């Protein structure tokens, strides 16, 4: 059996969509690695963009899909029991959960790259996969809206001429528990694609003030907002200001009344 079998990669894939992906303009959404932390505010903004006639496609990186695989298998095997154990002995429960997930990973050779590839390399691979996915789409104009690590992937792919606008909530300039990682920011010096970053003033991955320490391209605009890294909800006037800024950035007609009443974007699930 060739070694390539053990590192076969399905790559990036769609998980849901709103509207037809065959449109001339398409909004690609790529979330954070911690898929459990969804943002209702971001979903509302996506819903408003879709209401302007823009189809939406949510993509997941291979890293996120592997997270989900491990979580779902773990939950089916021992989730309730280990959670009960963690309530009494947190450290022991944490160790057992990691051991079980490691055993699950051993049964999936096609996912072993998750354990052996450095995380910074995973972003580069995901960006390559994103460009490859765009090759399958007829859209001539792609907008990317991301959250956290999704912003690293989309901005790494941003040199692709089909990507004409980038938006990110909470760009992770630096992991709060790790040393400075140039792989997160070096490419931002050379980025030619217009990039709007909405950054919380208490974001542990870097605030708008922190962003000033990096040599960013002139095509990048930082919009400071109150809050941390989750961007779950902002005060009404701040959310309205963010929505207005994004619509203007995408050259869409602002309609604050529609934005205020928009429901979260849910979409149609893709695959199983």
C-alpha atoms as a PDB file:
ATOM      1  CA  UNK A   1       0.000   0.000   0.000  1.00  0.00           C
ATOM      2  CA  UNK A   2       1.558   3.355  -0.997  1.00  0.00           C
ATOM      3  CA  UNK A   3       2.355   5.790   1.806  1.00  0.00           C
ATOM      4  CA  UNK A   4       0.189   8.399   0.045  1.00  0.00           C
ATOM      5  CA  UNK A   5      -2.871   6.359   1.059  1.00  0.00           C
ATOM      6  CA  UNK A   6      -2.252   7.213   4.686  1.00  0.00           C
ATOM      7  CA  UNK A   7      -2.276  10.927   3.977  1.00  0.00           C
ATOM      8  CA  UNK A   8      -5.114  11.103   1.464  1.00  0.00           C
ATOM      9  CA  UNK A   9      -6.913  14.395   2.020  1.00  0.00           C
ATOM     10  CA  UNK A  10     -10.510  15.211   1.164  1.00  0.00           C
ATOM     11  CA  UNK A  11      -9.529  18.854   1.791  1.00  0.00           C
ATOM     12  CA  UNK A  12     -11.966  21.717   2.133  1.00  0.00           C
ATOM     13  CA  UNK A  13     -15.626  21.021   1.583  1.00  0.00           C
ATOM     14  CA  UNK A  14     -19.030  22.722   1.715  1.00  0.00           C
ATOM     15  CA  UNK A  15     -21.312  22.063   4.673  1.00  0.00           C
ATOM     16  CA  UNK A  16     -24.325  24.228   3.782  1.00  0.00           C
ATOM     17  CA  UNK A  17     -25.425  26.869   1.337  1.00  0.00           C
ATOM     18  CA  UNK A  18     -27.998  29.575   0.665  1.00  0.00           C
ATOM     19  CA  UNK A  19     -28.906  30.125  -2.967  1.00  0.00           C
ATOM     20  CA  UNK A  20     -27.171  28.696  -5.993  1.00  0.00           C
ATOM     21  CA  UNK A  21     -23.366  28.323  -5.955  1.00  0.00           C
ATOM     22  CA  UNK A  22     -23.464  28.806  -9.735  1.00  0.00           C
ATOM     23  CA  UNK A  23     -23.988  32.570  -9.460  1.00  0.00           C
ATOM     24  CA  UNK A  24     -21.525  35.098 -10.838  1.00  0.00           C
ATOM     25  CA  UNK A  25     -20.855  36.460  -7.317  1.00  0.00           C
ATOM     26  CA  UNK A  26     -20.584  34.172  -4.285  1.00  0.00           C
ATOM     27  CA  UNK A  27     -19.923  34.718  -0.582  1.00  0.00           C
ATOM     28  CA  UNK A  28     -17.664  32.052   0.938  1.00  0.00           C
ATOM     29  CA  UNK A  29     -17.912  31.723   4.731  1.00  0.00           C
ATOM     30  CA  UNK A  30     -15.138  30.084   6.720  1.00  0.00           C
ATOM     31  CA  UNK A  31     -15.417  29.927  10.500  1.00  0.00           C
ATOM     32  CA  UNK A  32     -13.028  29.403  13.357  1.00  0.00           C
ATOM     33  CA  UNK A  33     -11.374  26.104  14.271  1.00  0.00           C
ATOM     34  CA  UNK A  34     -13.477  25.978  17.441  1.00  0.00           C
ATOM     35  CA  UNK A  35     -16.661  25.254  15.539  1.00  0.00           C
ATOM     36  CA  UNK A  36     -18.698  25.047  18.760  1.00  0.00           C
ATOM     37  CA  UNK A  37     -18.367  28.815  19.244  1.00  0.00           C
ATOM     38  CA  UNK A  38     -20.707  30.135  16.583  1.00  0.00           C
ATOM     39  CA  UNK A  39     -21.625  33.810  16.422  1.00  0.00           C
ATOM     40  CA  UNK A  40     -25.290  34.751  16.100  1.00  0.00           C
ATOM     41  CA  UNK A  41     -24.282  38.262  15.063  1.00  0.00           C
ATOM     42  CA  UNK A  42     -22.125  37.004  12.198  1.00  0.00           C
ATOM     43  CA  UNK A  43     -24.999  34.762  11.105  1.00  0.00           C
ATOM     44  CA  UNK A  44     -27.348  37.746  11.069  1.00  0.00           C
ATOM     45  CA  UNK A  45     -24.926  39.747   8.934  1.00  0.00           C
ATOM     46  CA  UNK A  46     -24.575  36.836   6.506  1.00  0.00           C
ATOM     47  CA  UNK A  47     -28.368  36.724   6.305  1.00  0.00           C
ATOM     48  CA  UNK A  48     -28.497  40.402   5.350  1.00  0.00           C
ATOM     49  CA  UNK A  49     -25.876  39.894   2.632  1.00  0.00           C
ATOM     50  CA  UNK A  50     -27.882  36.986   1.246  1.00  0.00           C
ATOM     51  CA  UNK A  51     -31.023  39.156   1.292  1.00  0.00           C
ATOM     52  CA  UNK A  52     -29.166  41.469  -1.112  1.00  0.00           C
ATOM     53  CA  UNK A  53     -29.168  38.627  -3.638  1.00  0.00           C
ATOM     54  CA  UNK A  54     -25.756  37.102  -2.864  1.00  0.00           C
ATOM     55  CA  UNK A  55     -25.583  33.277  -2.606  1.00  0.00           C
ATOM     56  CA  UNK A  56     -23.651  31.964   0.404  1.00  0.00           C
ATOM     57  CA  UNK A  57     -21.554  28.822   0.771  1.00  0.00           C
ATOM     58  CA  UNK A  58     -20.129  27.718   4.137  1.00  0.00           C
ATOM     59  CA  UNK A  59     -16.861  25.797   3.904  1.00  0.00           C
ATOM     60  CA  UNK A  60     -14.939  23.842   6.520  1.00  0.00           C
ATOM     61  CA  UNK A  61     -11.218  23.204   6.561  1.00  0.00           C
ATOM     62  CA  UNK A  62      -9.818  19.743   6.968  1.00  0.00           C
ATOM     63  CA  UNK A  63      -8.749  20.677  10.515  1.00  0.00           C
ATOM     64  CA  UNK A  64     -12.302  21.596  11.525  1.00  0.00           C
ATOM     65  CA  UNK A  65     -13.719  18.472   9.913  1.00  0.00           C
ATOM     66  CA  UNK A  66     -11.235  16.361  11.860  1.00  0.00           C
ATOM     67  CA  UNK A  67     -12.193  18.160  15.097  1.00  0.00           C
ATOM     68  CA  UNK A  68     -15.813  17.246  14.404  1.00  0.00           C
ATOM     69  CA  UNK A  69     -14.989  13.648  13.565  1.00  0.00           C
ATOM     70  CA  UNK A  70     -13.094  13.161  16.826  1.00  0.00           C
ATOM     71  CA  UNK A  71     -15.743  14.933  18.892  1.00  0.00           C
ATOM     72  CA  UNK A  72     -18.637  12.961  17.427  1.00  0.00           C
ATOM     73  CA  UNK A  73     -16.902   9.590  17.766  1.00  0.00           C
ATOM     74  CA  UNK A  74     -15.795  10.407  21.303  1.00  0.00           C
ATOM     75  CA  UNK A  75     -19.322  11.469  22.271  1.00  0.00           C
ATOM     76  CA  UNK A  76     -20.753   8.205  20.959  1.00  0.00           C
ATOM     77  CA  UNK A  77     -18.138   6.085  22.729  1.00  0.00           C
ATOM     78  CA  UNK A  78     -17.724   7.694  26.136  1.00  0.00           C
ATOM     79  CA  UNK A  79     -18.829  11.321  26.189  1.00  0.00           C
ATOM     80  CA  UNK A  80     -21.306  11.257  29.123  1.00  0.00           C
ATOM     81  CA  UNK A  81     -19.082   9.022  31.258  1.00  0.00           C
ATOM     82  CA  UNK A  82     -15.963  11.131  30.783  1.00  0.00           C
ATOM     83  CA  UNK A  83     -17.856  14.354  31.455  1.00  0.00           C
ATOM     84  CA  UNK A  84     -19.078  12.893  34.742  1.00  0.00           C
ATOM     85  CA  UNK A  85     -15.500  11.932  35.575  1.00  0.00           C
ATOM     86  CA  UNK A  86     -14.238  15.442  34.740  1.00  0.00           C
ATOM     87  CA  UNK A  87     -16.685  16.957  37.187  1.00  0.00           C
ATOM     88  CA  UNK A  88     -15.008  15.019  40.004  1.00  0.00           C
ATOM     89  CA  UNK A  89     -11.428  14.804  38.726  1.00  0.00           C
ATOM     90  CA  UNK A  90     -10.921  17.400  35.966  1.00  0.00           C
ATOM     91  CA  UNK A  91      -7.296  16.541  35.163  1.00  0.00           C
ATOM     92  CA  UNK A  92      -7.944  12.794  34.969  1.00  0.00           C
ATOM     93  CA  UNK A  93     -11.001  13.315  32.784  1.00  0.00           C
ATOM     94  CA  UNK A  94      -9.014  15.564  30.446  1.00  0.00           C
ATOM     95  CA  UNK A  95      -6.274  12.934  30.083  1.00  0.00           C
ATOM     96  CA  UNK A  96      -8.769  10.142  29.397  1.00  0.00           C
ATOM     97  CA  UNK A  97     -10.565  12.227  26.767  1.00  0.00           C
ATOM     98  CA  UNK A  98      -7.265  12.885  24.976  1.00  0.00           C
ATOM     99  CA  UNK A  99      -6.347   9.197  25.115  1.00  0.00           C
ATOM    100  CA  UNK A 100      -9.688   8.122  23.665  1.00  0.00           C
ATOM    101  CA  UNK A 101      -9.463  10.685  20.867  1.00  0.00           C
ATOM    102  CA  UNK A 102      -5.907   9.542  20.112  1.00  0.00           C
ATOM    103  CA  UNK A 103      -7.156   5.966  19.803  1.00  0.00           C
ATOM    104  CA  UNK A 104      -9.941   7.110  17.489  1.00  0.00           C
ATOM    105  CA  UNK A 105      -7.378   8.927  15.364  1.00  0.00           C
ATOM    106  CA  UNK A 106      -5.283   5.757  15.113  1.00  0.00           C
ATOM    107  CA  UNK A 107      -8.212   4.037  13.402  1.00  0.00           C
ATOM    108  CA  UNK A 108      -8.306   6.753  10.718  1.00  0.00           C
ATOM    109  CA  UNK A 109      -5.012   6.740   8.774  1.00  0.00           C
ATOM    110  CA  UNK A 110      -6.512   9.241   6.358  1.00  0.00           C
ATOM    111  CA  UNK A 111      -6.491  11.751   9.238  1.00  0.00           C
ATOM    112  CA  UNK A 112      -2.996  11.133  10.620  1.00  0.00           C
ATOM    113  CA  UNK A 113      -1.742  14.365   9.093  1.00  0.00           C
ATOM    114  CA  UNK A 114      -3.817  16.120  11.780  1.00  0.00           C
ATOM    115  CA  UNK A 115      -1.340  14.842  14.374  1.00  0.00           C
ATOM    116  CA  UNK A 116       1.926  15.159  12.457  1.00  0.00           C
ATOM    117  CA  UNK A 117       1.522  18.375  10.463  1.00  0.00           C
ATOM    118  CA  UNK A 118       2.376  21.648  12.245  1.00  0.00           C
ATOM    119  CA  UNK A 119      -0.706  23.827  12.650  1.00  0.00           C
ATOM    120  CA  UNK A 120       0.888  26.675  10.684  1.00  0.00           C
ATOM    121  CA  UNK A 121       1.335  24.277   7.761  1.00  0.00           C
ATOM    122  CA  UNK A 122      -2.339  23.310   8.046  1.00  0.00           C
ATOM    123  CA  UNK A 123      -3.307  26.899   7.208  1.00  0.00           C
ATOM    124  CA  UNK A 124      -1.154  26.847   4.069  1.00  0.00           C
ATOM    125  CA  UNK A 125      -2.653  23.532   2.963  1.00  0.00           C
ATOM    126  CA  UNK A 126      -6.182  24.793   3.655  1.00  0.00           C
ATOM    127  CA  UNK A 127      -5.530  27.909   1.544  1.00  0.00           C
ATOM    128  CA  UNK A 128      -4.335  25.707  -1.300  1.00  0.00           C
ATOM    129  CA  UNK A 129      -7.442  23.555  -0.910  1.00  0.00           C
ATOM    130  CA  UNK A 130      -9.619  26.680  -0.983  1.00  0.00           C
ATOM    131  CA  UNK A 131      -8.083  27.801  -4.263  1.00  0.00           C
ATOM    132  CA  UNK A 132      -8.657  24.309  -5.630  1.00  0.00           C
ATOM    133  CA  UNK A 133     -12.285  24.423  -4.530  1.00  0.00           C
ATOM    134  CA  UNK A 134     -12.753  27.741  -6.330  1.00  0.00           C
ATOM    135  CA  UNK A 135     -11.620  26.016  -9.533  1.00  0.00           C
ATOM    136  CA  UNK A 136     -14.830  23.975  -9.368  1.00  0.00           C
ATOM    137  CA  UNK A 137     -17.057  27.061  -9.188  1.00  0.00           C
ATOM    138  CA  UNK A 138     -18.297  29.169 -12.099  1.00  0.00           C
ATOM    139  CA  UNK A 139     -18.340  32.343  -9.976  1.00  0.00           C
ATOM    140  CA  UNK A 140     -16.053  35.064 -11.300  1.00  0.00           C
ATOM    141  CA  UNK A 141     -16.217  37.185  -8.151  1.00  0.00           C
ATOM    142  CA  UNK A 142     -15.682  35.628  -4.716  1.00  0.00           C
ATOM    143  CA  UNK A 143     -16.100  37.418  -1.405  1.00  0.00           C
ATOM    144  CA  UNK A 144     -14.792  35.685   1.715  1.00  0.00           C
ATOM    145  CA  UNK A 145     -16.196  36.281   5.193  1.00  0.00           C
ATOM    146  CA  UNK A 146     -14.268  34.555   7.965  1.00  0.00           C
ATOM    147  CA  UNK A 147     -13.945  34.291  11.726  1.00  0.00           C
ATOM    148  CA  UNK A 148     -10.638  33.793  13.531  1.00  0.00           C
ATOM    149  CA  UNK A 149      -8.492  31.052  11.927  1.00  0.00           C
ATOM    150  CA  UNK A 150     -10.736  31.139   8.879  1.00  0.00           C
ATOM    151  CA  UNK A 151      -9.274  34.582   8.235  1.00  0.00           C
ATOM    152  CA  UNK A 152      -5.755  33.174   8.024  1.00  0.00           C
ATOM    153  CA  UNK A 153      -6.871  30.670   5.398  1.00  0.00           C
ATOM    154  CA  UNK A 154      -8.871  33.124   3.290  1.00  0.00           C
ATOM    155  CA  UNK A 155      -6.182  35.817   3.398  1.00  0.00           C
ATOM    156  CA  UNK A 156      -3.499  33.290   2.413  1.00  0.00           C
ATOM    157  CA  UNK A 157      -5.685  32.476  -0.584  1.00  0.00           C
ATOM    158  CA  UNK A 158      -6.415  36.160  -1.159  1.00  0.00           C
ATOM    159  CA  UNK A 159      -3.934  36.542  -4.002  1.00  0.00           C
ATOM    160  CA  UNK A 160      -6.288  34.503  -6.181  1.00  0.00           C
ATOM    161  CA  UNK A 161      -7.753  37.013  -8.670  1.00  0.00           C
ATOM    162  CA  UNK A 162     -11.242  35.575  -8.207  1.00  0.00           C
ATOM    163  CA  UNK A 163     -11.236  36.709  -4.565  1.00  0.00           C
ATOM    164  CA  UNK A 164     -12.056  40.415  -4.668  1.00  0.00           C
ATOM    165  CA  UNK A 165     -13.000  41.150  -1.028  1.00  0.00           C
ATOM    166  CA  UNK A 166     -11.992  39.690   2.335  1.00  0.00           C
ATOM    167  CA  UNK A 167     -13.766  40.234   5.660  1.00  0.00           C
ATOM    168  CA  UNK A 168     -12.700  38.714   8.977  1.00  0.00           C
ATOM    169  CA  UNK A 169     -14.070  38.923  12.503  1.00  0.00           C
ATOM    170  CA  UNK A 170     -11.298  38.577  15.061  1.00  0.00           C
ATOM    171  CA  UNK A 171      -8.185  37.980  12.991  1.00  0.00           C
ATOM    172  CA  UNK A 172      -5.882  35.851  15.195  1.00  0.00           C
ATOM    173  CA  UNK A 173      -2.722  37.927  15.015  1.00  0.00           C
ATOM    174  CA  UNK A 174      -1.160  35.989  17.880  1.00  0.00           C
ATOM    175  CA  UNK A 175      -2.330  33.012  19.920  1.00  0.00           C
ATOM    176  CA  UNK A 176      -2.617  34.183  23.547  1.00  0.00           C
ATOM    177  CA  UNK A 177      -0.700  31.178  24.899  1.00  0.00           C
ATOM    178  CA  UNK A 178       1.976  30.906  22.200  1.00  0.00           C
ATOM    179  CA  UNK A 179       4.959  32.846  20.914  1.00  0.00           C
ATOM    180  CA  UNK A 180       4.668  35.209  17.977  1.00  0.00           C
ATOM    181  CA  UNK A 181       4.090  33.220  14.772  1.00  0.00           C
ATOM    182  CA  UNK A 182       5.117  35.012  11.550  1.00  0.00           C
ATOM    183  CA  UNK A 183       3.062  32.500   9.540  1.00  0.00           C
ATOM    184  CA  UNK A 184      -0.066  34.265  10.811  1.00  0.00           C
ATOM    185  CA  UNK A 185       0.905  37.739   9.649  1.00  0.00           C
ATOM    186  CA  UNK A 186       3.822  37.834   7.182  1.00  0.00           C
ATOM    187  CA  UNK A 187       1.573  37.436   4.138  1.00  0.00           C
ATOM    188  CA  UNK A 188      -0.540  40.412   5.252  1.00  0.00           C
ATOM    189  CA  UNK A 189       2.332  42.702   4.265  1.00  0.00           C
ATOM    190  CA  UNK A 190       1.984  41.677   0.617  1.00  0.00           C
ATOM    191  CA  UNK A 191      -1.795  41.336   0.364  1.00  0.00           C
ATOM    192  CA  UNK A 192      -3.297  43.317  -2.520  1.00  0.00           C
ATOM    193  CA  UNK A 193      -6.928  42.268  -2.016  1.00  0.00           C
ATOM    194  CA  UNK A 194      -9.070  44.711   0.015  1.00  0.00           C
ATOM    195  CA  UNK A 195      -9.417  43.251   3.522  1.00  0.00           C
ATOM    196  CA  UNK A 196     -11.747  44.500   6.275  1.00  0.00           C
ATOM    197  CA  UNK A 197     -10.924  43.184   9.766  1.00  0.00           C
ATOM    198  CA  UNK A 198     -13.430  43.676  12.590  1.00  0.00           C
ATOM    199  CA  UNK A 199     -11.400  43.423  15.795  1.00  0.00           C
ATOM    200  CA  UNK A 200     -12.664  43.430  19.388  1.00  0.00           C
ATOM    201  CA  UNK A 201     -11.052  45.803  21.873  1.00  0.00           C
ATOM    202  CA  UNK A 202     -10.673  42.873  24.310  1.00  0.00           C
ATOM    203  CA  UNK A 203      -9.819  40.172  21.794  1.00  0.00           C
ATOM    204  CA  UNK A 204      -7.097  37.959  23.351  1.00  0.00           C
ATOM    205  CA  UNK A 205      -5.803  37.159  19.859  1.00  0.00           C
ATOM    206  CA  UNK A 206      -5.005  40.822  19.323  1.00  0.00           C
ATOM    207  CA  UNK A 207      -6.891  44.106  19.443  1.00  0.00           C
ATOM    208  CA  UNK A 208      -7.020  46.852  16.836  1.00  0.00           C
ATOM    209  CA  UNK A 209      -4.241  48.575  18.789  1.00  0.00           C
ATOM    210  CA  UNK A 210      -2.149  45.384  18.744  1.00  0.00           C
ATOM    211  CA  UNK A 211      -2.637  45.158  14.979  1.00  0.00           C
ATOM    212  CA  UNK A 212      -0.651  48.381  14.672  1.00  0.00           C
ATOM    213  CA  UNK A 213       2.502  46.459  15.631  1.00  0.00           C
ATOM    214  CA  UNK A 214       2.419  44.551  12.343  1.00  0.00           C
ATOM    215  CA  UNK A 215       3.461  45.743   8.896  1.00  0.00           C
ATOM    216  CA  UNK A 216       0.079  45.455   7.216  1.00  0.00           C
ATOM    217  CA  UNK A 217      -0.676  46.144   3.575  1.00  0.00           C
ATOM    218  CA  UNK A 218      -2.411  49.393   2.734  1.00  0.00           C
ATOM    219  CA  UNK A 219      -5.372  47.358   1.463  1.00  0.00           C
ATOM    220  CA  UNK A 220      -6.182  46.267   5.033  1.00  0.00           C
ATOM    221  CA  UNK A 221      -8.591  48.255   7.182  1.00  0.00           C
ATOM    222  CA  UNK A 222      -9.092  47.533  10.897  1.00  0.00           C
ATOM    223  CA  UNK A 223     -12.503  48.328  12.386  1.00  0.00           C
ATOM    224  CA  UNK A 224     -12.380  48.270  16.227  1.00  0.00           C
ATOM    225  CA  UNK A 225     -15.493  47.121  18.089  1.00  0.00           C
ATOM    226  CA  UNK A 226     -16.253  46.423  21.756  1.00  0.00           C
ATOM    227  CA  UNK A 227     -15.862  42.805  22.848  1.00  0.00           C
ATOM    228  CA  UNK A 228     -13.645  39.749  22.817  1.00  0.00           C
ATOM    229  CA  UNK A 229     -13.060  36.971  20.295  1.00  0.00           C
ATOM    230  CA  UNK A 230     -16.509  35.384  20.069  1.00  0.00           C
ATOM    231  CA  UNK A 231     -18.397  38.274  18.426  1.00  0.00           C
ATOM    232  CA  UNK A 232     -21.607  36.691  19.680  1.00  0.00           C
ATOM    233  CA  UNK A 233     -23.537  39.914  20.182  1.00  0.00           C
ATOM    234  CA  UNK A 234     -22.762  43.619  20.105  1.00  0.00           C
ATOM    235  CA  UNK A 235     -24.925  46.484  21.338  1.00  0.00           C
ATOM    236  CA  UNK A 236     -27.509  47.349  18.682  1.00  0.00           C
ATOM    237  CA  UNK A 237     -25.820  50.506  17.443  1.00  0.00           C
ATOM    238  CA  UNK A 238     -22.426  48.790  17.204  1.00  0.00           C
ATOM    239  CA  UNK A 239     -23.853  45.841  15.278  1.00  0.00           C
ATOM    240  CA  UNK A 240     -25.603  48.282  12.943  1.00  0.00           C
ATOM    241  CA  UNK A 241     -22.317  50.125  12.385  1.00  0.00           C
ATOM    242  CA  UNK A 242     -20.489  46.865  11.606  1.00  0.00           C
ATOM    243  CA  UNK A 243     -23.227  45.814   9.196  1.00  0.00           C
ATOM    244  CA  UNK A 244     -23.144  49.196   7.475  1.00  0.00           C
ATOM    245  CA  UNK A 245     -19.342  49.041   7.136  1.00  0.00           C
ATOM    246  CA  UNK A 246     -19.447  45.545   5.634  1.00  0.00           C
ATOM    247  CA  UNK A 247     -22.224  46.386   3.172  1.00  0.00           C
ATOM    248  CA  UNK A 248     -20.351  49.491   2.052  1.00  0.00           C
ATOM    249  CA  UNK A 249     -17.120  47.487   1.748  1.00  0.00           C
ATOM    250  CA  UNK A 250     -18.919  44.974  -0.487  1.00  0.00           C
ATOM    251  CA  UNK A 251     -20.589  47.765  -2.477  1.00  0.00           C
ATOM    252  CA  UNK A 252     -24.041  46.626  -1.368  1.00  0.00           C
ATOM    253  CA  UNK A 253     -26.797  49.126  -0.602  1.00  0.00           C
ATOM    254  CA  UNK A 254     -27.099  49.553   3.183  1.00  0.00           C
ATOM    255  CA  UNK A 255     -30.558  48.964   4.632  1.00  0.00           C
ATOM    256  CA  UNK A 256     -30.411  49.169   8.385  1.00  0.00           C
ATOM    257  CA  UNK A 257     -34.080  48.296   8.796  1.00  0.00           C
ATOM    258  CA  UNK A 258     -33.522  44.974   7.044  1.00  0.00           C
ATOM    259  CA  UNK A 259     -30.394  44.390   9.083  1.00  0.00           C
ATOM    260  CA  UNK A 260     -32.185  44.976  12.353  1.00  0.00           C
ATOM    261  CA  UNK A 261     -34.886  42.420  11.600  1.00  0.00           C
ATOM    262  CA  UNK A 262     -32.811  39.818   9.800  1.00  0.00           C
ATOM    263  CA  UNK A 263     -32.952  36.251  11.074  1.00  0.00           C
ATOM    264  CA  UNK A 264     -29.764  34.207  11.462  1.00  0.00           C
ATOM    265  CA  UNK A 265     -28.653  32.575   8.223  1.00  0.00           C
ATOM    266  CA  UNK A 266     -29.181  28.826   8.430  1.00  0.00           C
ATOM    267  CA  UNK A 267     -28.753  27.484   4.923  1.00  0.00           C
ATOM    268  CA  UNK A 268     -29.175  24.025   3.449  1.00  0.00           C
ATOM    269  CA  UNK A 269     -26.934  21.249   4.725  1.00  0.00           C
ATOM    270  CA  UNK A 270     -24.591  19.587   2.258  1.00  0.00           C
ATOM    271  CA  UNK A 271     -23.625  15.952   2.569  1.00  0.00           C
ATOM    272  CA  UNK A 272     -23.986  13.886   5.706  1.00  0.00           C
END
